[in-house]
Amino acid sequence: MLLHFYKMNGAGNDFVVVDNRDLSLALTGDQIALLCDRHRGIGADGLLAVEPAEHGADFRFRYYNADGGEAEMCGNGARCFGRFTAALLPGEPEKVTFETIAGTLAAHLVDDDIRIAMSDPKDLRLDTGASVPGLDATLHFLNTGVPHVVAYVDDLAGTDVFTHGRAIRHHEAFAPSGTNANFATVLAPGHIAIRTYERGVEDETLACGTGMVACALVHHLLTGAPSPIQVDVKGGDTLEIGFETAPDGSFRQVTLTGPADFIFEGDIEI
């Protein structure tokens, strides 16, 4: 079978994109993992599939991690999805809506960037009480569409993201589904830098959108820094997290703004 695909990246988080609006594709987890393999396939942190909406949005968003498993949401992937699907609609509108497992989202084209209106965060736990050997940091938890642990550290560059991230990802405190693990440091009030170990990729990635949101919201909770918060990622980009707080302290109107770029398109035999 010859598969036509597109390659996109959002702040260094890269994705294979396939147009499955006719539902003719039924890729297996093994096939997706092979497509994402950087040595034997196209290479990507995950795969995005465009499918027809079921509940009134413009499209349905399907996201698969590099291991072939489907995930609820991906912030950088959603920005790429918004850029891609806007080009599929007449006149390339400035707003696209799509259904995800985490809820219906909207993508807005803002100059050269894409702004995603994220689902409301949930399951906040400041200081989970969990710990991993060798990491002197408090572990906070927040689900921003997918589960994330946030640990603020003094030496971000010297942090062993792979070892500590893997330990957090498989920690019994976050079983059975596991979690993504983020390590962050404060550069200035309202400006942070982060590194992320992604569940499903099972390694550090250059960026993680939902991880940026989790780190920014925890930064607000710990320091009172107002919206918007700037986030530097390993890929070299700076993204912006906007939010509002409700009277009960919960978050609303959470947005993620940053780049989403086409790289190339092609065909591959699977």
Protein backbone atom coordinates (compact mmCIF):
# COMPACT_ATOMS: atom_id res chain seq x y z
CA MET A 1 0.00 0.00 0.00
CA LEU A 2 1.29 3.45 -0.94
CA LEU A 3 0.49 6.04 1.73
CA HIS A 4 0.53 9.77 0.99
CA PHE A 5 1.68 11.76 4.01
CA TYR A 6 2.69 15.22 5.14
CA LYS A 7 5.41 16.12 7.64
CA MET A 8 4.87 19.05 10.02
CA ASN A 9 6.47 20.42 13.15
CA GLY A 10 5.37 22.62 16.00
CA ALA A 11 8.30 24.17 17.88
CA GLY A 12 10.41 21.11 17.03
CA ASN A 13 7.75 18.57 18.00
CA ASP A 14 7.36 16.75 14.66
CA PHE A 15 4.46 14.77 13.21
CA VAL A 16 3.40 12.64 10.30
CA VAL A 17 -0.01 13.85 9.07
CA VAL A 18 -2.43 11.75 7.03
CA ASP A 19 -5.74 12.79 5.47
CA ASN A 20 -8.27 10.11 6.40
CA ARG A 21 -11.47 12.04 5.76
CA ASP A 22 -12.78 9.17 3.64
CA LEU A 23 -11.93 6.69 6.46
CA SER A 24 -10.10 4.47 3.98
CA LEU A 25 -7.07 4.12 6.27
CA ALA A 26 -6.99 1.64 9.12
CA LEU A 27 -3.39 1.84 10.28
CA THR A 28 -2.31 -0.59 12.97
CA GLY A 29 -0.25 0.43 15.96
CA ASP A 30 2.75 -1.38 14.47
CA GLN A 31 2.38 0.49 11.18
CA ILE A 32 2.17 3.84 12.98
CA ALA A 33 5.24 2.99 15.04
CA LEU A 34 7.12 2.10 11.85
CA LEU A 35 6.10 5.35 10.15
CA CYS A 36 7.38 7.28 13.19
CA ASP A 37 10.63 5.32 13.37
CA ARG A 38 13.51 7.70 12.62
CA HIS A 39 15.66 4.95 11.09
CA ARG A 40 13.19 2.74 9.21
CA GLY A 41 10.32 5.12 8.51
CA ILE A 42 9.58 8.82 8.07
CA GLY A 43 10.47 9.75 11.62
CA ALA A 44 8.23 11.67 14.01
CA ASP A 45 7.14 12.13 17.61
CA GLY A 46 3.63 11.08 16.60
CA LEU A 47 1.03 10.72 13.87
CA LEU A 48 -1.99 12.96 13.24
CA ALA A 49 -5.00 11.64 11.31
CA VAL A 50 -7.68 13.97 9.91
CA GLU A 51 -11.10 12.33 10.06
CA PRO A 52 -14.70 13.55 9.59
CA ALA A 53 -16.31 15.14 12.63
CA GLU A 54 -19.04 13.30 14.49
CA HIS A 55 -20.54 16.09 16.60
CA GLY A 56 -20.65 19.26 14.52
CA ALA A 57 -17.03 20.44 14.45
CA ASP A 58 -15.07 20.88 11.23
CA PHE A 59 -12.95 17.75 11.69
CA ARG A 60 -12.06 14.94 14.07
CA PHE A 61 -8.52 14.92 15.49
CA ARG A 62 -6.84 11.55 16.03
CA TYR A 63 -3.40 11.51 17.62
CA TYR A 64 -1.06 8.54 17.98
CA ASN A 65 2.23 8.53 19.88
CA ALA A 66 5.39 7.24 18.25
CA ASP A 67 4.81 3.83 19.87
CA GLY A 68 1.53 3.49 17.93
CA GLY A 69 -0.77 4.03 20.91
CA GLU A 70 -3.58 6.57 20.65
CA ALA A 71 -3.47 9.53 23.06
CA GLU A 72 -6.13 11.97 24.14
CA MET A 73 -4.46 15.17 23.03
CA CYS A 74 -1.24 16.84 21.91
CA GLY A 75 -0.89 20.62 22.07
CA ASN A 76 1.80 21.02 19.42
CA GLY A 77 0.06 18.41 17.30
CA ALA A 78 -3.20 20.34 17.63
CA ARG A 79 -1.52 23.48 16.33
CA CYS A 80 -0.17 21.56 13.33
CA PHE A 81 -3.59 19.99 12.85
CA GLY A 82 -5.17 23.45 12.84
CA ARG A 83 -2.71 24.72 10.22
CA PHE A 84 -3.22 21.63 8.07
CA THR A 85 -7.02 21.50 8.22
CA ALA A 86 -7.48 25.24 7.64
CA ALA A 87 -5.90 24.66 4.21
CA LEU A 88 -8.54 22.00 3.52
CA LEU A 89 -11.46 24.41 3.98
CA PRO A 90 -12.68 26.95 1.40
CA GLY A 91 -10.94 30.30 1.77
CA GLU A 92 -8.60 28.98 4.49
CA PRO A 93 -10.56 30.44 7.43
CA GLU A 94 -8.93 31.96 10.51
CA LYS A 95 -10.65 29.45 12.83
CA VAL A 96 -10.99 25.66 12.67
CA THR A 97 -12.74 23.41 15.19
CA PHE A 98 -12.02 19.76 15.80
CA GLU A 99 -13.11 16.98 18.09
CA THR A 100 -10.55 15.22 20.30
CA ILE A 101 -10.83 12.63 23.05
CA ALA A 102 -10.16 15.53 25.46
CA GLY A 103 -13.04 17.61 24.04
CA THR A 104 -13.75 19.94 21.11
CA LEU A 105 -10.96 22.46 20.48
CA ALA A 106 -10.54 25.50 18.27
CA ALA A 107 -7.46 26.63 16.37
CA HIS A 108 -7.04 30.30 15.40
CA LEU A 109 -4.56 31.53 12.80
CA VAL A 110 -2.73 34.48 14.39
CA ASP A 111 -0.31 35.96 11.85
CA ASP A 112 2.34 33.25 11.39
CA ASP A 113 1.35 31.38 14.56
CA ILE A 114 -1.50 29.11 15.57
CA ARG A 115 -3.41 29.66 18.80
CA ILE A 116 -5.17 26.64 20.26
CA ALA A 117 -8.03 27.02 22.71
CA MET A 118 -7.26 24.14 25.05
CA SER A 119 -9.62 21.98 27.09
CA ASP A 120 -10.02 22.99 30.75
CA PRO A 121 -7.28 21.49 32.96
CA LYS A 122 -8.31 19.03 35.65
CA ASP A 123 -7.06 16.80 38.46
CA LEU A 124 -4.66 19.39 39.91
CA ARG A 125 -2.42 18.09 42.69
CA LEU A 126 0.21 20.48 44.01
CA ASP A 127 2.94 18.49 45.78
CA THR A 128 1.84 14.94 45.09
CA GLY A 129 4.18 13.63 47.75
CA ALA A 130 5.79 11.34 45.17
CA SER A 131 9.55 11.32 44.65
CA VAL A 132 12.19 9.61 42.51
CA PRO A 133 15.78 8.78 43.46
CA GLY A 134 18.31 11.51 42.71
CA LEU A 135 15.81 14.27 41.95
CA ASP A 136 15.50 16.96 44.61
CA ALA A 137 12.27 18.58 43.45
CA THR A 138 8.59 18.68 44.35
CA LEU A 139 6.38 16.80 41.90
CA HIS A 140 3.12 18.53 40.96
CA PHE A 141 0.41 17.00 38.76
CA LEU A 142 -2.07 18.49 36.29
CA ASN A 143 -4.05 17.00 33.42
CA THR A 144 -4.07 19.48 30.51
CA GLY A 145 -5.70 17.06 28.07
CA VAL A 146 -3.15 14.39 28.96
CA PRO A 147 -1.49 13.79 32.35
CA HIS A 148 1.58 15.81 33.27
CA VAL A 149 3.95 15.98 36.22
CA VAL A 150 5.78 19.28 36.70
CA ALA A 151 9.05 19.57 38.65
CA TYR A 152 10.78 22.92 39.08
CA VAL A 153 14.58 22.56 39.25
CA ASP A 154 17.50 24.95 39.70
CA ASP A 155 19.74 23.46 36.99
CA LEU A 156 17.58 22.64 33.98
CA ALA A 157 20.50 22.04 31.62
CA GLY A 158 22.09 19.59 34.06
CA THR A 159 18.90 17.65 34.79
CA ASP A 160 18.90 14.01 33.62
CA VAL A 161 15.57 14.27 31.83
CA PHE A 162 15.66 10.74 30.44
CA THR A 163 16.40 8.94 33.72
CA HIS A 164 14.18 11.04 35.97
CA GLY A 165 11.49 11.36 33.33
CA ARG A 166 11.28 7.61 32.84
CA ALA A 167 11.08 7.07 36.61
CA ILE A 168 8.23 9.58 36.92
CA ARG A 169 6.44 8.25 33.84
CA HIS A 170 6.26 4.75 35.39
CA HIS A 171 5.86 5.84 39.04
CA GLU A 172 3.15 3.96 40.96
CA ALA A 173 1.65 7.30 42.04
CA PHE A 174 0.57 7.90 38.43
CA ALA A 175 -0.45 4.34 37.53
CA PRO A 176 -2.00 2.74 35.63
CA SER A 177 -1.88 5.09 32.62
CA GLY A 178 1.41 6.77 33.53
CA THR A 179 2.26 10.40 32.93
CA ASN A 180 4.43 12.80 30.97
CA ALA A 181 7.23 14.40 32.98
CA ASN A 182 8.28 18.05 32.73
CA PHE A 183 11.27 19.79 34.26
CA ALA A 184 11.15 23.58 34.42
CA THR A 185 13.08 26.56 35.71
CA VAL A 186 12.10 30.21 36.16
CA LEU A 187 14.00 32.64 33.94
CA ALA A 188 12.04 35.68 35.15
CA PRO A 189 8.55 36.24 36.57
CA GLY A 190 6.17 35.02 33.87
CA HIS A 191 8.96 33.49 31.76
CA ILE A 192 10.03 29.87 32.19
CA ALA A 193 12.07 27.24 30.33
CA ILE A 194 11.11 23.57 30.20
CA ARG A 195 12.28 20.14 29.09
CA THR A 196 9.87 17.23 28.66
CA TYR A 197 9.97 13.43 28.73
CA GLU A 198 6.95 12.30 26.70
CA ARG A 199 4.92 9.21 27.44
CA GLY A 200 4.52 7.17 24.26
CA VAL A 201 7.67 8.63 22.72
CA GLU A 202 9.54 7.35 25.79
CA ASP A 203 12.25 9.95 25.47
CA GLU A 204 12.85 13.68 25.68
CA THR A 205 11.27 15.71 22.87
CA LEU A 206 12.11 19.19 21.60
CA ALA A 207 8.74 20.52 22.76
CA CYS A 208 5.42 19.42 24.26
CA GLY A 209 2.40 21.71 24.06
CA THR A 210 0.30 20.25 26.85
CA GLY A 211 3.47 20.11 28.96
CA MET A 212 4.08 23.82 28.38
CA VAL A 213 0.55 24.55 29.55
CA ALA A 214 0.98 22.42 32.68
CA CYS A 215 4.28 24.10 33.57
CA ALA A 216 2.90 27.60 32.97
CA LEU A 217 -0.21 27.03 35.09
CA VAL A 218 1.82 25.52 37.93
CA HIS A 219 4.17 28.53 37.68
CA HIS A 220 1.15 30.80 38.13
CA LEU A 221 -0.06 28.79 41.13
CA LEU A 222 3.35 28.81 42.81
CA THR A 223 4.30 32.44 42.13
CA GLY A 224 1.18 34.34 41.13
CA ALA A 225 2.63 35.24 37.71
CA PRO A 226 -0.19 36.62 35.55
CA SER A 227 -1.30 35.54 32.08
CA PRO A 228 0.25 35.29 29.55
CA ILE A 229 3.32 33.26 30.47
CA GLN A 230 6.23 32.79 28.06
CA VAL A 231 7.72 29.30 27.75
CA ASP A 232 11.09 28.47 26.17
CA VAL A 233 11.45 24.92 24.85
CA LYS A 234 14.45 22.81 23.92
CA GLY A 235 13.69 23.24 20.21
CA GLY A 236 14.58 26.92 20.54
CA ASP A 237 11.14 28.50 20.27
CA THR A 238 9.27 30.61 22.81
CA LEU A 239 5.54 29.98 23.07
CA GLU A 240 2.81 31.80 24.96
CA ILE A 241 0.30 30.37 27.40
CA GLY A 242 -2.81 32.44 28.12
CA PHE A 243 -5.44 31.68 30.75
CA GLU A 244 -8.16 33.01 33.02
CA THR A 245 -8.84 31.92 36.59
CA ALA A 246 -12.34 31.28 37.93
CA PRO A 247 -13.46 32.32 41.44
CA ASP A 248 -12.94 28.75 42.64
CA GLY A 249 -9.31 28.87 41.47
CA SER A 250 -9.80 26.64 38.43
CA PHE A 251 -8.52 27.62 35.00
CA ARG A 252 -10.61 28.67 32.00
CA GLN A 253 -9.92 30.00 28.50
CA VAL A 254 -6.50 28.36 28.35
CA THR A 255 -4.64 29.01 25.09
CA LEU A 256 -1.37 27.88 23.54
CA THR A 257 0.17 30.09 20.84
CA GLY A 258 3.19 29.18 18.74
CA PRO A 259 4.49 28.07 15.34
CA ALA A 260 3.20 25.20 13.20
CA ASP A 261 5.03 24.56 9.95
CA PHE A 262 4.88 22.26 6.93
CA ILE A 263 8.17 20.49 6.25
CA PHE A 264 7.48 18.24 3.24
CA GLU A 265 5.07 15.71 1.78
CA GLY A 266 5.61 12.40 0.07
CA ASP A 267 4.58 8.79 -0.37
CA ILE A 268 5.75 5.73 1.51
CA GLU A 269 5.05 2.05 1.03
CA ILE A 270 3.60 0.32 4.10
